[in-house]
Amino acid sequence: MTRHKKTRTEKNVDKIKKQLEGPVAAKPQLAKTPVKPPPPKKSDNPAPKPPGRIKKLLTFFRDAKRELVWVTFPTRQETIKSTGVLLVLVGISAIYLGLVDGILTRLLSLVVD
């Protein structure tokens, strides 16, 4: 006769049932005198020093070089198209801001004069 191996869910259900059926646990009694933790042990080897600035900088560049493997750079055609879109948007923004500036300048000159 083989035993059925309980799944994790069945084990959790059994555990909850035992908790619900079991007697209510009494509150643990607190110690009357405080217990001091033991003093830290002194070792012969001092703690390792944190890496210096130069080591941190070298580690940064090493990690950055590893990350560059995952970068996909745009092709020449994609770069040209993106640059064109950018220049058009900058031109539209310049015209818009120029018009708003001109209108506000005229309105302000009418109010001041």
N, C-alpha and C. Protein backbone atom coordinates (compact mmCIF):
# COMPACT_ATOMS: atom_id res chain seq x y z
N MET A 1 0.84 -1.17 0.00
CA MET A 1 0.00 0.00 0.00
C MET A 1 0.89 1.25 0.00
N THR A 2 0.68 2.14 -0.93
CA THR A 2 1.49 3.35 -1.01
C THR A 2 0.74 4.51 -0.37
N ARG A 3 1.50 5.38 0.26
CA ARG A 3 0.91 6.56 0.89
C ARG A 3 0.82 7.68 -0.12
N HIS A 4 -0.24 8.42 0.00
CA HIS A 4 -0.42 9.60 -0.86
C HIS A 4 0.43 10.74 -0.31
N LYS A 5 1.29 11.30 -1.15
CA LYS A 5 2.12 12.41 -0.72
C LYS A 5 1.28 13.69 -0.76
N LYS A 6 1.27 14.39 0.36
CA LYS A 6 0.44 15.59 0.45
C LYS A 6 1.06 16.75 -0.32
N THR A 7 0.21 17.49 -0.97
CA THR A 7 0.67 18.69 -1.67
C THR A 7 0.86 19.81 -0.66
N ARG A 8 1.43 20.88 -1.11
CA ARG A 8 1.68 22.02 -0.24
C ARG A 8 0.37 22.59 0.29
N THR A 9 -0.66 22.63 -0.57
CA THR A 9 -1.95 23.17 -0.16
C THR A 9 -2.57 22.30 0.93
N GLU A 10 -2.49 20.98 0.76
CA GLU A 10 -3.04 20.07 1.76
C GLU A 10 -2.32 20.23 3.10
N LYS A 11 -1.01 20.41 3.05
CA LYS A 11 -0.25 20.61 4.27
C LYS A 11 -0.68 21.90 4.97
N ASN A 12 -0.89 22.95 4.18
CA ASN A 12 -1.32 24.23 4.76
C ASN A 12 -2.70 24.11 5.39
N VAL A 13 -3.60 23.36 4.73
CA VAL A 13 -4.95 23.18 5.26
C VAL A 13 -4.87 22.42 6.58
N ASP A 14 -4.06 21.36 6.64
CA ASP A 14 -3.91 20.60 7.88
C ASP A 14 -3.35 21.47 8.99
N LYS A 15 -2.38 22.32 8.65
CA LYS A 15 -1.77 23.20 9.65
C LYS A 15 -2.80 24.17 10.22
N ILE A 16 -3.63 24.73 9.34
CA ILE A 16 -4.66 25.68 9.79
C ILE A 16 -5.70 24.97 10.66
N LYS A 17 -6.08 23.76 10.27
CA LYS A 17 -7.04 23.00 11.07
C LYS A 17 -6.50 22.74 12.47
N LYS A 18 -5.23 22.36 12.57
CA LYS A 18 -4.63 22.11 13.88
C LYS A 18 -4.62 23.37 14.72
N GLN A 19 -4.36 24.52 14.07
CA GLN A 19 -4.33 25.77 14.82
C GLN A 19 -5.72 26.13 15.33
N LEU A 20 -6.76 25.85 14.52
CA LEU A 20 -8.11 26.19 14.93
C LEU A 20 -8.63 25.24 15.99
N GLU A 21 -8.26 23.96 15.93
CA GLU A 21 -8.74 22.97 16.87
C GLU A 21 -7.97 22.96 18.18
N GLY A 22 -6.71 23.34 18.13
CA GLY A 22 -5.85 23.25 19.31
C GLY A 22 -6.25 24.23 20.39
N PRO A 23 -5.73 24.02 21.60
CA PRO A 23 -6.05 24.92 22.70
C PRO A 23 -5.41 26.29 22.47
N VAL A 24 -6.02 27.27 23.09
CA VAL A 24 -5.50 28.63 22.96
C VAL A 24 -4.21 28.71 23.77
N ALA A 25 -3.15 29.16 23.13
CA ALA A 25 -1.86 29.25 23.80
C ALA A 25 -1.87 30.41 24.78
N ALA A 26 -1.26 30.18 25.94
CA ALA A 26 -1.15 31.24 26.94
C ALA A 26 -0.07 32.22 26.50
N LYS A 27 -0.22 33.43 26.97
CA LYS A 27 0.78 34.44 26.63
C LYS A 27 2.11 34.07 27.27
N PRO A 28 3.19 34.23 26.56
CA PRO A 28 4.49 33.90 27.16
C PRO A 28 4.82 34.90 28.27
N GLN A 29 5.41 34.39 29.33
CA GLN A 29 5.79 35.23 30.45
C GLN A 29 7.11 35.93 30.15
N LEU A 30 7.16 37.18 30.46
CA LEU A 30 8.37 37.96 30.24
C LEU A 30 9.35 37.71 31.38
N ALA A 31 10.62 37.73 31.06
CA ALA A 31 11.64 37.58 32.09
C ALA A 31 11.61 38.79 33.01
N LYS A 32 11.80 38.53 34.31
CA LYS A 32 11.73 39.63 35.27
C LYS A 32 12.98 40.50 35.25
N THR A 33 14.10 39.91 34.93
CA THR A 33 15.33 40.68 34.84
C THR A 33 15.76 40.73 33.38
N PRO A 34 16.14 41.90 32.91
CA PRO A 34 16.55 41.98 31.51
C PRO A 34 17.83 41.18 31.26
N VAL A 35 17.86 40.54 30.13
CA VAL A 35 19.02 39.73 29.76
C VAL A 35 19.88 40.55 28.81
N LYS A 36 21.16 40.69 29.17
CA LYS A 36 22.07 41.45 28.32
C LYS A 36 22.63 40.55 27.23
N PRO A 37 22.73 41.07 26.03
CA PRO A 37 23.33 40.25 24.98
C PRO A 37 24.82 40.09 25.23
N PRO A 38 25.38 38.97 24.79
CA PRO A 38 26.82 38.78 25.01
C PRO A 38 27.62 39.81 24.24
N PRO A 39 28.79 40.19 24.76
CA PRO A 39 29.60 41.19 24.05
C PRO A 39 30.08 40.62 22.72
N PRO A 40 30.24 41.48 21.71
CA PRO A 40 30.70 40.98 20.41
C PRO A 40 32.11 40.41 20.52
N LYS A 41 32.33 39.35 19.76
CA LYS A 41 33.63 38.70 19.77
C LYS A 41 34.62 39.52 18.94
N LYS A 42 35.81 39.64 19.47
CA LYS A 42 36.85 40.35 18.73
C LYS A 42 37.62 39.33 17.91
N SER A 43 37.73 39.63 16.64
CA SER A 43 38.46 38.70 15.78
C SER A 43 39.84 39.28 15.47
N ASP A 44 40.72 38.40 15.06
CA ASP A 44 42.07 38.84 14.71
C ASP A 44 42.08 39.62 13.41
N ASN A 45 41.16 39.29 12.50
CA ASN A 45 41.12 39.97 11.21
C ASN A 45 40.18 41.16 11.29
N PRO A 46 40.68 42.35 10.99
CA PRO A 46 39.78 43.50 11.01
C PRO A 46 38.80 43.42 9.84
N ALA A 47 37.73 44.20 9.93
CA ALA A 47 36.73 44.20 8.87
C ALA A 47 37.37 44.70 7.57
N PRO A 48 36.95 44.13 6.43
CA PRO A 48 37.54 44.58 5.17
C PRO A 48 37.18 46.03 4.89
N LYS A 49 38.12 46.77 4.37
CA LYS A 49 37.89 48.17 4.08
C LYS A 49 37.02 48.29 2.83
N PRO A 50 36.14 49.29 2.82
CA PRO A 50 35.34 49.48 1.61
C PRO A 50 36.25 49.92 0.46
N PRO A 51 35.87 49.58 -0.77
CA PRO A 51 36.74 49.94 -1.89
C PRO A 51 36.88 51.46 -2.02
N GLY A 52 38.04 51.88 -2.45
CA GLY A 52 38.29 53.30 -2.61
C GLY A 52 37.60 53.87 -3.84
N ARG A 53 37.75 55.15 -4.03
CA ARG A 53 37.09 55.83 -5.15
C ARG A 53 37.59 55.31 -6.49
N ILE A 54 38.87 55.04 -6.58
CA ILE A 54 39.41 54.58 -7.87
C ILE A 54 38.85 53.20 -8.20
N LYS A 55 38.76 52.32 -7.20
CA LYS A 55 38.21 50.99 -7.45
C LYS A 55 36.73 51.08 -7.85
N LYS A 56 36.01 51.96 -7.19
CA LYS A 56 34.60 52.14 -7.52
C LYS A 56 34.45 52.65 -8.96
N LEU A 57 35.31 53.59 -9.34
CA LEU A 57 35.25 54.14 -10.68
C LEU A 57 35.58 53.07 -11.72
N LEU A 58 36.61 52.27 -11.45
CA LEU A 58 36.97 51.20 -12.37
C LEU A 58 35.85 50.17 -12.48
N THR A 59 35.23 49.86 -11.36
CA THR A 59 34.10 48.92 -11.37
C THR A 59 32.95 49.48 -12.19
N PHE A 60 32.68 50.77 -12.05
CA PHE A 60 31.61 51.41 -12.81
C PHE A 60 31.86 51.29 -14.31
N PHE A 61 33.09 51.61 -14.75
CA PHE A 61 33.39 51.55 -16.17
C PHE A 61 33.36 50.11 -16.69
N ARG A 62 33.81 49.17 -15.88
CA ARG A 62 33.77 47.77 -16.28
C ARG A 62 32.32 47.31 -16.47
N ASP A 63 31.44 47.70 -15.53
CA ASP A 63 30.04 47.33 -15.64
C ASP A 63 29.37 48.02 -16.83
N ALA A 64 29.74 49.27 -17.07
CA ALA A 64 29.17 50.00 -18.21
C ALA A 64 29.57 49.34 -19.52
N LYS A 65 30.81 48.87 -19.61
CA LYS A 65 31.27 48.19 -20.82
C LYS A 65 30.48 46.90 -21.04
N ARG A 66 30.21 46.17 -19.95
CA ARG A 66 29.42 44.94 -20.07
C ARG A 66 28.00 45.24 -20.54
N GLU A 67 27.43 46.34 -20.07
CA GLU A 67 26.06 46.70 -20.45
C GLU A 67 25.96 47.12 -21.92
N LEU A 68 27.04 47.65 -22.47
CA LEU A 68 27.01 48.10 -23.87
C LEU A 68 26.78 46.94 -24.84
N VAL A 69 27.02 45.73 -24.40
CA VAL A 69 26.77 44.57 -25.26
C VAL A 69 25.29 44.47 -25.59
N TRP A 70 24.43 44.88 -24.66
CA TRP A 70 22.99 44.74 -24.83
C TRP A 70 22.36 45.91 -25.59
N VAL A 71 23.11 46.95 -25.85
CA VAL A 71 22.57 48.14 -26.51
C VAL A 71 22.45 47.89 -28.01
N THR A 72 21.31 48.28 -28.57
CA THR A 72 21.16 48.22 -30.03
C THR A 72 21.12 49.65 -30.53
N PHE A 73 22.07 50.00 -31.35
CA PHE A 73 22.16 51.35 -31.88
C PHE A 73 21.32 51.45 -33.14
N PRO A 74 20.74 52.64 -33.42
CA PRO A 74 19.93 52.80 -34.62
C PRO A 74 20.81 52.78 -35.88
N THR A 75 20.17 52.42 -36.99
CA THR A 75 20.88 52.43 -38.25
C THR A 75 21.03 53.87 -38.72
N ARG A 76 21.81 54.06 -39.78
CA ARG A 76 22.03 55.40 -40.32
C ARG A 76 20.70 56.01 -40.80
N GLN A 77 19.87 55.20 -41.47
CA GLN A 77 18.59 55.71 -41.98
C GLN A 77 17.65 56.11 -40.83
N GLU A 78 17.61 55.31 -39.76
CA GLU A 78 16.78 55.65 -38.61
C GLU A 78 17.25 56.94 -37.96
N THR A 79 18.56 57.13 -37.90
CA THR A 79 19.12 58.34 -37.31
C THR A 79 18.76 59.57 -38.14
N ILE A 80 18.85 59.45 -39.45
CA ILE A 80 18.52 60.57 -40.35
C ILE A 80 17.04 60.92 -40.22
N LYS A 81 16.16 59.91 -40.19
CA LYS A 81 14.72 60.17 -40.06
C LYS A 81 14.40 60.83 -38.72
N SER A 82 15.00 60.33 -37.66
CA SER A 82 14.74 60.89 -36.32
C SER A 82 15.23 62.34 -36.24
N THR A 83 16.37 62.62 -36.86
CA THR A 83 16.91 63.98 -36.86
C THR A 83 15.99 64.91 -37.63
N GLY A 84 15.46 64.43 -38.75
CA GLY A 84 14.53 65.24 -39.54
C GLY A 84 13.27 65.57 -38.75
N VAL A 85 12.71 64.58 -38.08
CA VAL A 85 11.52 64.81 -37.26
C VAL A 85 11.82 65.82 -36.17
N LEU A 86 12.95 65.68 -35.55
CA LEU A 86 13.35 66.61 -34.48
C LEU A 86 13.47 68.03 -35.00
N LEU A 87 14.12 68.21 -36.15
CA LEU A 87 14.29 69.56 -36.71
C LEU A 87 12.94 70.19 -37.07
N VAL A 88 12.02 69.39 -37.61
CA VAL A 88 10.69 69.91 -37.95
C VAL A 88 9.96 70.36 -36.68
N LEU A 89 10.01 69.54 -35.65
CA LEU A 89 9.34 69.91 -34.40
C LEU A 89 9.97 71.15 -33.75
N VAL A 90 11.27 71.27 -33.82
CA VAL A 90 11.93 72.46 -33.28
C VAL A 90 11.51 73.69 -34.08
N GLY A 91 11.41 73.56 -35.39
CA GLY A 91 10.96 74.69 -36.23
C GLY A 91 9.54 75.11 -35.90
N ILE A 92 8.64 74.13 -35.75
CA ILE A 92 7.24 74.44 -35.41
C ILE A 92 7.18 75.12 -34.04
N SER A 93 7.94 74.62 -33.09
CA SER A 93 7.95 75.22 -31.75
C SER A 93 8.48 76.65 -31.80
N ALA A 94 9.52 76.90 -32.61
CA ALA A 94 10.10 78.24 -32.72
C ALA A 94 9.09 79.22 -33.32
N ILE A 95 8.38 78.78 -34.35
CA ILE A 95 7.37 79.65 -34.98
C ILE A 95 6.25 79.96 -33.98
N TYR A 96 5.77 78.94 -33.27
CA TYR A 96 4.70 79.12 -32.30
C TYR A 96 5.12 80.09 -31.20
N LEU A 97 6.30 79.87 -30.63
CA LEU A 97 6.76 80.76 -29.56
C LEU A 97 7.00 82.18 -30.07
N GLY A 98 7.49 82.31 -31.30
CA GLY A 98 7.68 83.64 -31.88
C GLY A 98 6.37 84.38 -32.04
N LEU A 99 5.32 83.66 -32.51
CA LEU A 99 4.01 84.30 -32.66
C LEU A 99 3.43 84.71 -31.31
N VAL A 100 3.51 83.82 -30.33
CA VAL A 100 2.99 84.14 -28.99
C VAL A 100 3.75 85.33 -28.41
N ASP A 101 5.07 85.36 -28.58
CA ASP A 101 5.87 86.47 -28.06
C ASP A 101 5.48 87.77 -28.74
N GLY A 102 5.30 87.75 -30.04
CA GLY A 102 4.91 88.96 -30.76
C GLY A 102 3.55 89.48 -30.33
N ILE A 103 2.59 88.57 -30.18
CA ILE A 103 1.24 88.97 -29.77
C ILE A 103 1.26 89.56 -28.36
N LEU A 104 1.96 88.90 -27.45
CA LEU A 104 2.01 89.41 -26.08
C LEU A 104 2.75 90.73 -25.99
N THR A 105 3.78 90.91 -26.82
CA THR A 105 4.52 92.17 -26.83
C THR A 105 3.62 93.31 -27.28
N ARG A 106 2.82 93.08 -28.34
CA ARG A 106 1.90 94.13 -28.83
C ARG A 106 0.82 94.44 -27.79
N LEU A 107 0.26 93.39 -27.14
CA LEU A 107 -0.75 93.62 -26.13
C LEU A 107 -0.19 94.41 -24.95
N LEU A 108 1.02 94.08 -24.55
CA LEU A 108 1.64 94.79 -23.44
C LEU A 108 1.94 96.23 -23.81
N SER A 109 2.36 96.47 -25.04
CA SER A 109 2.66 97.85 -25.46
C SER A 109 1.39 98.69 -25.53
N LEU A 110 0.24 98.04 -25.86
CA LEU A 110 -1.03 98.78 -25.87
C LEU A 110 -1.47 99.15 -24.46
N VAL A 111 -1.21 98.24 -23.50
CA VAL A 111 -1.60 98.49 -22.12
C VAL A 111 -0.71 99.55 -21.49
N VAL A 112 0.59 99.51 -21.77
CA VAL A 112 1.53 100.44 -21.15
C VAL A 112 1.38 101.85 -21.74
N ASP A 113 1.18 101.93 -23.05
CA ASP A 113 1.10 103.26 -23.67
C ASP A 113 -0.22 103.89 -23.47
